[in-house]
Amino acid sequence: MSERAKERGDTRAYWRANLRIMAGLLTIWFIGSYVLGIFFVEPLNTVRLGGFPMGFWVAHQGSIVLFVVLVLVYALMMDRLDRRYGVD
C-alpha cells in the first residue's frame, strides 16, 4: 500500500471515529435537553429540587450544565483520538 493510500485510510478512520463521538454526544444532548426537558416535563414536575419543579430545573439549568459537560467530554475524547492518530 502506498503512503498516500495509507494516509487517506487513516484520515477516513479518524473522521469516522470523530463522527461516532459527535453522534453519541449529540444523542445524549438530545435526550437531556429535549426528551427530559420537553416530553417528560410533567412527570419530572412531581419532584421538587430547591423549591422548584424538577422539570423546570432540567429544562433551564440542567440543559445548560449538560451542554458544558458535553463540550468538556468532547475536548477530552478528541485529545485522546488525536493522540491515537498522531495528529496532536
PDB file of N, CA and C in Angstrom:
ATOM      1  N   MET A   1       0.844  -1.164   0.000  1.00  0.00           N
ATOM      2  CA  MET A   1       0.000   0.000   0.000  1.00  0.00           C
ATOM      3  C   MET A   1       0.898   1.238   0.000  1.00  0.00           C
ATOM      4  N   SER A   2       0.555   2.198  -0.839  1.00  0.00           N
ATOM      5  CA  SER A   2       1.367   3.414  -0.911  1.00  0.00           C
ATOM      6  C   SER A   2       1.143   4.277   0.330  1.00  0.00           C
ATOM      7  N   GLU A   3       2.072   5.168   0.549  1.00  0.00           N
ATOM      8  CA  GLU A   3       1.979   6.068   1.721  1.00  0.00           C
ATOM      9  C   GLU A   3       0.731   6.945   1.625  1.00  0.00           C
ATOM     10  N   ARG A   4       0.423   7.393   0.406  1.00  0.00           N
ATOM     11  CA  ARG A   4      -0.756   8.248   0.218  1.00  0.00           C
ATOM     12  C   ARG A   4      -2.042   7.488   0.524  1.00  0.00           C
ATOM     13  N   ALA A   5      -2.134   6.229   0.088  1.00  0.00           N
ATOM     14  CA  ALA A   5      -3.324   5.424   0.362  1.00  0.00           C
ATOM     15  C   ALA A   5      -3.455   5.152   1.862  1.00  0.00           C
ATOM     16  N   LYS A   6      -2.327   4.896   2.515  1.00  0.00           N
ATOM     17  CA  LYS A   6      -2.361   4.657   3.957  1.00  0.00           C
ATOM     18  C   LYS A   6      -2.821   5.909   4.685  1.00  0.00           C
ATOM     19  N   GLU A   7      -2.305   7.070   4.243  1.00  0.00           N
ATOM     20  CA  GLU A   7      -2.704   8.333   4.871  1.00  0.00           C
ATOM     21  C   GLU A   7      -4.184   8.600   4.665  1.00  0.00           C
ATOM     22  N   ARG A   8      -4.692   8.312   3.461  1.00  0.00           N
ATOM     23  CA  ARG A   8      -6.102   8.518   3.164  1.00  0.00           C
ATOM     24  C   ARG A   8      -6.964   7.601   4.027  1.00  0.00           C
ATOM     25  N   GLY A   9      -6.538   6.361   4.225  1.00  0.00           N
ATOM     26  CA  GLY A   9      -7.265   5.427   5.080  1.00  0.00           C
ATOM     27  C   GLY A   9      -7.276   5.874   6.524  1.00  0.00           C
ATOM     28  N   ASP A  10      -6.125   6.386   7.002  1.00  0.00           N
ATOM     29  CA  ASP A  10      -6.061   6.901   8.369  1.00  0.00           C
ATOM     30  C   ASP A  10      -6.968   8.112   8.534  1.00  0.00           C
ATOM     31  N   THR A  11      -7.012   8.965   7.514  1.00  0.00           N
ATOM     32  CA  THR A  11      -7.863  10.146   7.571  1.00  0.00           C
ATOM     33  C   THR A  11      -9.328   9.748   7.650  1.00  0.00           C
ATOM     34  N   ARG A  12      -9.716   8.769   6.870  1.00  0.00           N
ATOM     35  CA  ARG A  12     -11.107   8.308   6.900  1.00  0.00           C
ATOM     36  C   ARG A  12     -11.447   7.652   8.235  1.00  0.00           C
ATOM     37  N   ALA A  13     -10.543   6.870   8.768  1.00  0.00           N
ATOM     38  CA  ALA A  13     -10.771   6.237  10.066  1.00  0.00           C
ATOM     39  C   ALA A  13     -10.883   7.291  11.162  1.00  0.00           C
ATOM     40  N   TYR A  14     -10.033   8.290  11.099  1.00  0.00           N
ATOM     41  CA  TYR A  14     -10.076   9.382  12.076  1.00  0.00           C
ATOM     42  C   TYR A  14     -11.419  10.112  11.991  1.00  0.00           C
ATOM     43  N   TRP A  15     -11.855  10.418  10.785  1.00  0.00           N
ATOM     44  CA  TRP A  15     -13.109  11.129  10.602  1.00  0.00           C
ATOM     45  C   TRP A  15     -14.295  10.288  11.064  1.00  0.00           C
ATOM     46  N   ARG A  16     -14.281   8.979  10.761  1.00  0.00           N
ATOM     47  CA  ARG A  16     -15.360   8.104  11.230  1.00  0.00           C
ATOM     48  C   ARG A  16     -15.411   8.066  12.749  1.00  0.00           C
ATOM     49  N   ALA A  17     -14.262   7.988  13.391  1.00  0.00           N
ATOM     50  CA  ALA A  17     -14.218   7.978  14.854  1.00  0.00           C
ATOM     51  C   ALA A  17     -14.737   9.309  15.404  1.00  0.00           C
ATOM     52  N   ASN A  18     -14.368  10.398  14.766  1.00  0.00           N
ATOM     53  CA  ASN A  18     -14.856  11.715  15.178  1.00  0.00           C
ATOM     54  C   ASN A  18     -16.376  11.789  15.047  1.00  0.00           C
ATOM     55  N   LEU A  19     -16.919  11.289  13.953  1.00  0.00           N
ATOM     56  CA  LEU A  19     -18.372  11.304  13.751  1.00  0.00           C
ATOM     57  C   LEU A  19     -19.092  10.436  14.780  1.00  0.00           C
ATOM     58  N   ARG A  20     -18.497   9.296  15.153  1.00  0.00           N
ATOM     59  CA  ARG A  20     -19.102   8.445  16.190  1.00  0.00           C
ATOM     60  C   ARG A  20     -19.153   9.177  17.524  1.00  0.00           C
ATOM     61  N   ILE A  21     -18.088   9.868  17.867  1.00  0.00           N
ATOM     62  CA  ILE A  21     -18.058  10.634  19.113  1.00  0.00           C
ATOM     63  C   ILE A  21     -19.139  11.721  19.083  1.00  0.00           C
ATOM     64  N   MET A  22     -19.194  12.467  17.977  1.00  0.00           N
ATOM     65  CA  MET A  22     -20.191  13.534  17.876  1.00  0.00           C
ATOM     66  C   MET A  22     -21.615  12.991  17.924  1.00  0.00           C
ATOM     67  N   ALA A  23     -21.873  11.881  17.231  1.00  0.00           N
ATOM     68  CA  ALA A  23     -23.217  11.304  17.234  1.00  0.00           C
ATOM     69  C   ALA A  23     -23.617  10.857  18.641  1.00  0.00           C
ATOM     70  N   GLY A  24     -22.697  10.243  19.355  1.00  0.00           N
ATOM     71  CA  GLY A  24     -23.010   9.812  20.719  1.00  0.00           C
ATOM     72  C   GLY A  24     -23.299  10.984  21.641  1.00  0.00           C
ATOM     73  N   LEU A  25     -22.479  12.019  21.559  1.00  0.00           N
ATOM     74  CA  LEU A  25     -22.674  13.184  22.426  1.00  0.00           C
ATOM     75  C   LEU A  25     -23.925  13.970  22.036  1.00  0.00           C
ATOM     76  N   LEU A  26     -24.222  14.058  20.749  1.00  0.00           N
ATOM     77  CA  LEU A  26     -25.448  14.731  20.325  1.00  0.00           C
ATOM     78  C   LEU A  26     -26.689  13.958  20.756  1.00  0.00           C
ATOM     79  N   THR A  27     -26.600  12.637  20.782  1.00  0.00           N
ATOM     80  CA  THR A  27     -27.712  11.823  21.265  1.00  0.00           C
ATOM     81  C   THR A  27     -27.954  12.092  22.749  1.00  0.00           C
ATOM     82  N   ILE A  28     -26.892  12.141  23.527  1.00  0.00           N
ATOM     83  CA  ILE A  28     -27.019  12.454  24.954  1.00  0.00           C
ATOM     84  C   ILE A  28     -27.608  13.852  25.133  1.00  0.00           C
ATOM     85  N   TRP A  29     -27.133  14.812  24.339  1.00  0.00           N
ATOM     86  CA  TRP A  29     -27.655  16.171  24.425  1.00  0.00           C
ATOM     87  C   TRP A  29     -29.142  16.216  24.083  1.00  0.00           C
ATOM     88  N   PHE A  30     -29.550  15.494  23.031  1.00  0.00           N
ATOM     89  CA  PHE A  30     -30.955  15.464  22.622  1.00  0.00           C
ATOM     90  C   PHE A  30     -31.826  14.878  23.730  1.00  0.00           C
ATOM     91  N   ILE A  31     -31.380  13.770  24.300  1.00  0.00           N
ATOM     92  CA  ILE A  31     -32.162  13.142  25.369  1.00  0.00           C
ATOM     93  C   ILE A  31     -32.253  14.068  26.578  1.00  0.00           C
ATOM     94  N   GLY A  32     -31.129  14.650  26.963  1.00  0.00           N
ATOM     95  CA  GLY A  32     -31.121  15.512  28.137  1.00  0.00           C
ATOM     96  C   GLY A  32     -31.891  16.803  27.952  1.00  0.00           C
ATOM     97  N   SER A  33     -31.812  17.395  26.779  1.00  0.00           N
ATOM     98  CA  SER A  33     -32.451  18.690  26.563  1.00  0.00           C
ATOM     99  C   SER A  33     -33.900  18.571  26.104  1.00  0.00           C
ATOM    100  N   TYR A  34     -34.136  17.790  25.073  1.00  0.00           N
ATOM    101  CA  TYR A  34     -35.475  17.726  24.508  1.00  0.00           C
ATOM    102  C   TYR A  34     -36.359  16.701  25.191  1.00  0.00           C
ATOM    103  N   VAL A  35     -35.882  15.485  25.299  1.00  0.00           N
ATOM    104  CA  VAL A  35     -36.734  14.430  25.836  1.00  0.00           C
ATOM    105  C   VAL A  35     -37.078  14.717  27.299  1.00  0.00           C
ATOM    106  N   LEU A  36     -36.057  14.978  28.121  1.00  0.00           N
ATOM    107  CA  LEU A  36     -36.335  15.253  29.535  1.00  0.00           C
ATOM    108  C   LEU A  36     -36.950  16.628  29.742  1.00  0.00           C
ATOM    109  N   GLY A  37     -36.459  17.628  29.021  1.00  0.00           N
ATOM    110  CA  GLY A  37     -36.910  18.997  29.231  1.00  0.00           C
ATOM    111  C   GLY A  37     -38.247  19.345  28.621  1.00  0.00           C
ATOM    112  N   ILE A  38     -38.695  18.587  27.621  1.00  0.00           N
ATOM    113  CA  ILE A  38     -39.954  18.913  26.950  1.00  0.00           C
ATOM    114  C   ILE A  38     -40.966  17.784  27.093  1.00  0.00           C
ATOM    115  N   PHE A  39     -40.594  16.587  26.669  1.00  0.00           N
ATOM    116  CA  PHE A  39     -41.564  15.494  26.623  1.00  0.00           C
ATOM    117  C   PHE A  39     -41.905  14.927  27.998  1.00  0.00           C
ATOM    118  N   PHE A  40     -40.955  14.891  28.917  1.00  0.00           N
ATOM    119  CA  PHE A  40     -41.193  14.317  30.240  1.00  0.00           C
ATOM    120  C   PHE A  40     -41.248  15.375  31.329  1.00  0.00           C
ATOM    121  N   VAL A  41     -41.627  16.603  30.964  1.00  0.00           N
ATOM    122  CA  VAL A  41     -41.643  17.674  31.952  1.00  0.00           C
ATOM    123  C   VAL A  41     -42.714  17.437  33.013  1.00  0.00           C
ATOM    124  N   GLU A  42     -43.863  16.922  32.658  1.00  0.00           N
ATOM    125  CA  GLU A  42     -44.935  16.705  33.634  1.00  0.00           C
ATOM    126  C   GLU A  42     -44.555  15.671  34.696  1.00  0.00           C
ATOM    127  N   PRO A  43     -44.055  14.486  34.310  1.00  0.00           N
ATOM    128  CA  PRO A  43     -43.633  13.545  35.364  1.00  0.00           C
ATOM    129  C   PRO A  43     -42.486  14.085  36.214  1.00  0.00           C
ATOM    130  N   LEU A  44     -41.570  14.835  35.604  1.00  0.00           N
ATOM    131  CA  LEU A  44     -40.455  15.400  36.357  1.00  0.00           C
ATOM    132  C   LEU A  44     -40.916  16.479  37.330  1.00  0.00           C
ATOM    133  N   ASN A  45     -42.018  17.153  37.005  1.00  0.00           N
ATOM    134  CA  ASN A  45     -42.510  18.220  37.870  1.00  0.00           C
ATOM    135  C   ASN A  45     -43.069  17.696  39.189  1.00  0.00           C
ATOM    136  N   THR A  46     -43.272  16.412  39.307  1.00  0.00           N
ATOM    137  CA  THR A  46     -43.743  15.853  40.579  1.00  0.00           C
ATOM    138  C   THR A  46     -42.636  15.853  41.628  1.00  0.00           C
ATOM    139  N   VAL A  47     -41.393  15.963  41.186  1.00  0.00           N
ATOM    140  CA  VAL A  47     -40.240  16.034  42.092  1.00  0.00           C
ATOM    141  C   VAL A  47     -39.829  17.494  42.213  1.00  0.00           C
ATOM    142  N   ARG A  48     -39.482  17.922  43.423  1.00  0.00           N
ATOM    143  CA  ARG A  48     -39.043  19.306  43.628  1.00  0.00           C
ATOM    144  C   ARG A  48     -37.560  19.316  43.963  1.00  0.00           C
ATOM    145  N   LEU A  49     -36.857  20.277  43.397  1.00  0.00           N
ATOM    146  CA  LEU A  49     -35.420  20.426  43.612  1.00  0.00           C
ATOM    147  C   LEU A  49     -35.152  21.889  43.960  1.00  0.00           C
ATOM    148  N   GLY A  50     -34.759  22.140  45.194  1.00  0.00           N
ATOM    149  CA  GLY A  50     -34.509  23.511  45.631  1.00  0.00           C
ATOM    150  C   GLY A  50     -35.750  24.373  45.600  1.00  0.00           C
ATOM    151  N   GLY A  51     -36.906  23.790  45.802  1.00  0.00           N
ATOM    152  CA  GLY A  51     -38.158  24.535  45.800  1.00  0.00           C
ATOM    153  C   GLY A  51     -38.781  24.692  44.422  1.00  0.00           C
ATOM    154  N   PHE A  52     -38.101  24.245  43.387  1.00  0.00           N
ATOM    155  CA  PHE A  52     -38.626  24.360  42.028  1.00  0.00           C
ATOM    156  C   PHE A  52     -38.959  22.973  41.494  1.00  0.00           C
ATOM    157  N   PRO A  53     -39.934  22.888  40.591  1.00  0.00           N
ATOM    158  CA  PRO A  53     -40.226  21.589  39.966  1.00  0.00           C
ATOM    159  C   PRO A  53     -39.018  21.099  39.165  1.00  0.00           C
ATOM    160  N   MET A  54     -38.767  19.813  39.236  1.00  0.00           N
ATOM    161  CA  MET A  54     -37.608  19.223  38.558  1.00  0.00           C
ATOM    162  C   MET A  54     -37.659  19.454  37.044  1.00  0.00           C
ATOM    163  N   GLY A  55     -38.833  19.428  36.440  1.00  0.00           N
ATOM    164  CA  GLY A  55     -38.957  19.677  35.007  1.00  0.00           C
ATOM    165  C   GLY A  55     -38.480  21.064  34.631  1.00  0.00           C
ATOM    166  N   PHE A  56     -38.799  22.050  35.441  1.00  0.00           N
ATOM    167  CA  PHE A  56     -38.323  23.417  35.214  1.00  0.00           C
ATOM    168  C   PHE A  56     -36.807  23.459  35.306  1.00  0.00           C
ATOM    169  N   TRP A  57     -36.250  22.819  36.333  1.00  0.00           N
ATOM    170  CA  TRP A  57     -34.805  22.838  36.526  1.00  0.00           C
ATOM    171  C   TRP A  57     -34.089  22.162  35.357  1.00  0.00           C
ATOM    172  N   VAL A  58     -34.582  21.010  34.927  1.00  0.00           N
ATOM    173  CA  VAL A  58     -33.949  20.282  33.817  1.00  0.00           C
ATOM    174  C   VAL A  58     -34.018  21.102  32.542  1.00  0.00           C
ATOM    175  N   ALA A  59     -35.153  21.732  32.280  1.00  0.00           N
ATOM    176  CA  ALA A  59     -35.322  22.485  31.035  1.00  0.00           C
ATOM    177  C   ALA A  59     -34.458  23.740  30.999  1.00  0.00           C
ATOM    178  N   HIS A  60     -34.175  24.333  32.150  1.00  0.00           N
ATOM    179  CA  HIS A  60     -33.426  25.590  32.154  1.00  0.00           C
ATOM    180  C   HIS A  60     -31.966  25.392  32.541  1.00  0.00           C
ATOM    181  N   GLN A  61     -31.704  25.118  33.787  1.00  0.00           N
ATOM    182  CA  GLN A  61     -30.323  24.996  34.227  1.00  0.00           C
ATOM    183  C   GLN A  61     -29.698  23.674  33.809  1.00  0.00           C
ATOM    184  N   GLY A  62     -30.452  22.604  33.867  1.00  0.00           N
ATOM    185  CA  GLY A  62     -29.903  21.277  33.569  1.00  0.00           C
ATOM    186  C   GLY A  62     -29.390  21.147  32.155  1.00  0.00           C
ATOM    187  N   SER A  63     -30.101  21.704  31.191  1.00  0.00           N
ATOM    188  CA  SER A  63     -29.659  21.586  29.804  1.00  0.00           C
ATOM    189  C   SER A  63     -28.379  22.393  29.558  1.00  0.00           C
ATOM    190  N   ILE A  64     -28.231  23.513  30.248  1.00  0.00           N
ATOM    191  CA  ILE A  64     -27.006  24.308  30.106  1.00  0.00           C
ATOM    192  C   ILE A  64     -25.822  23.582  30.727  1.00  0.00           C
ATOM    193  N   VAL A  65     -26.022  23.038  31.915  1.00  0.00           N
ATOM    194  CA  VAL A  65     -24.959  22.278  32.586  1.00  0.00           C
ATOM    195  C   VAL A  65     -24.572  21.072  31.737  1.00  0.00           C
ATOM    196  N   LEU A  66     -25.567  20.371  31.211  1.00  0.00           N
ATOM    197  CA  LEU A  66     -25.292  19.211  30.356  1.00  0.00           C
ATOM    198  C   LEU A  66     -24.475  19.619  29.135  1.00  0.00           C
ATOM    199  N   PHE A  67     -24.811  20.735  28.507  1.00  0.00           N
ATOM    200  CA  PHE A  67     -24.081  21.197  27.327  1.00  0.00           C
ATOM    201  C   PHE A  67     -22.617  21.474  27.660  1.00  0.00           C
ATOM    202  N   VAL A  68     -22.357  22.161  28.770  1.00  0.00           N
ATOM    203  CA  VAL A  68     -20.982  22.475  29.160  1.00  0.00           C
ATOM    204  C   VAL A  68     -20.202  21.195  29.441  1.00  0.00           C
ATOM    205  N   VAL A  69     -20.831  20.246  30.132  1.00  0.00           N
ATOM    206  CA  VAL A  69     -20.167  18.965  30.416  1.00  0.00           C
ATOM    207  C   VAL A  69     -19.858  18.227  29.114  1.00  0.00           C
ATOM    208  N   LEU A  70     -20.797  18.232  28.174  1.00  0.00           N
ATOM    209  CA  LEU A  70     -20.567  17.547  26.899  1.00  0.00           C
ATOM    210  C   LEU A  70     -19.440  18.203  26.098  1.00  0.00           C
ATOM    211  N   VAL A  71     -19.302  19.514  26.167  1.00  0.00           N
ATOM    212  CA  VAL A  71     -18.196  20.188  25.488  1.00  0.00           C
ATOM    213  C   VAL A  71     -16.868  19.730  26.086  1.00  0.00           C
ATOM    214  N   LEU A  72     -16.808  19.649  27.403  1.00  0.00           N
ATOM    215  CA  LEU A  72     -15.581  19.195  28.061  1.00  0.00           C
ATOM    216  C   LEU A  72     -15.276  17.738  27.722  1.00  0.00           C
ATOM    217  N   VAL A  73     -16.290  16.889  27.712  1.00  0.00           N
ATOM    218  CA  VAL A  73     -16.099  15.484  27.358  1.00  0.00           C
ATOM    219  C   VAL A  73     -15.618  15.372  25.912  1.00  0.00           C
ATOM    220  N   TYR A  74     -16.202  16.163  25.013  1.00  0.00           N
ATOM    221  CA  TYR A  74     -15.779  16.138  23.608  1.00  0.00           C
ATOM    222  C   TYR A  74     -14.304  16.528  23.487  1.00  0.00           C
ATOM    223  N   ALA A  75     -13.900  17.576  24.198  1.00  0.00           N
ATOM    224  CA  ALA A  75     -12.496  18.008  24.139  1.00  0.00           C
ATOM    225  C   ALA A  75     -11.568  16.898  24.629  1.00  0.00           C
ATOM    226  N   LEU A  76     -11.914  16.248  25.722  1.00  0.00           N
ATOM    227  CA  LEU A  76     -11.078  15.161  26.240  1.00  0.00           C
ATOM    228  C   LEU A  76     -11.029  13.972  25.283  1.00  0.00           C
ATOM    229  N   MET A  77     -12.178  13.617  24.720  1.00  0.00           N
ATOM    230  CA  MET A  77     -12.214  12.478  23.790  1.00  0.00           C
ATOM    231  C   MET A  77     -11.444  12.790  22.509  1.00  0.00           C
ATOM    232  N   MET A  78     -11.517  14.026  22.040  1.00  0.00           N
ATOM    233  CA  MET A  78     -10.793  14.386  20.826  1.00  0.00           C
ATOM    234  C   MET A  78      -9.291  14.441  21.079  1.00  0.00           C
ATOM    235  N   ASP A  79      -8.882  14.871  22.269  1.00  0.00           N
ATOM    236  CA  ASP A  79      -7.449  14.821  22.607  1.00  0.00           C
ATOM    237  C   ASP A  79      -6.942  13.388  22.533  1.00  0.00           C
ATOM    238  N   ARG A  80      -7.705  12.469  23.088  1.00  0.00           N
ATOM    239  CA  ARG A  80      -7.328  11.050  23.057  1.00  0.00           C
ATOM    240  C   ARG A  80      -7.299  10.529  21.622  1.00  0.00           C
ATOM    241  N   LEU A  81      -8.287  10.902  20.818  1.00  0.00           N
ATOM    242  CA  LEU A  81      -8.350  10.466  19.421  1.00  0.00           C
ATOM    243  C   LEU A  81      -7.186  11.061  18.622  1.00  0.00           C
ATOM    244  N   ASP A  82      -6.868  12.316  18.860  1.00  0.00           N
ATOM    245  CA  ASP A  82      -5.743  12.957  18.175  1.00  0.00           C
ATOM    246  C   ASP A  82      -4.438  12.257  18.481  1.00  0.00           C
ATOM    247  N   ARG A  83      -4.242  11.911  19.736  1.00  0.00           N
ATOM    248  CA  ARG A  83      -3.009  11.186  20.102  1.00  0.00           C
ATOM    249  C   ARG A  83      -2.953   9.817  19.431  1.00  0.00           C
ATOM    250  N   ARG A  84      -4.100   9.137  19.358  1.00  0.00           N
ATOM    251  CA  ARG A  84      -4.125   7.801  18.757  1.00  0.00           C
ATOM    252  C   ARG A  84      -3.768   7.844  17.276  1.00  0.00           C
ATOM    253  N   TYR A  85      -4.190   8.894  16.579  1.00  0.00           N
ATOM    254  CA  TYR A  85      -3.908   9.007  15.145  1.00  0.00           C
ATOM    255  C   TYR A  85      -2.698   9.877  14.844  1.00  0.00           C
ATOM    256  N   GLY A  86      -2.036  10.380  15.878  1.00  0.00           N
ATOM    257  CA  GLY A  86      -0.815  11.138  15.672  1.00  0.00           C
ATOM    258  C   GLY A  86      -1.005  12.508  15.086  1.00  0.00           C
ATOM    259  N   VAL A  87      -2.129  13.145  15.363  1.00  0.00           N
ATOM    260  CA  VAL A  87      -2.366  14.491  14.853  1.00  0.00           C
ATOM    261  C   VAL A  87      -2.400  15.522  15.979  1.00  0.00           C
ATOM    262  N   ASP A  88      -1.866  15.160  17.124  1.00  0.00           N
ATOM    263  CA  ASP A  88      -1.860  16.096  18.263  1.00  0.00           C
ATOM    264  C   ASP A  88      -0.739  17.090  18.165  1.00  0.00           C
TER     265      ASP A  88
END
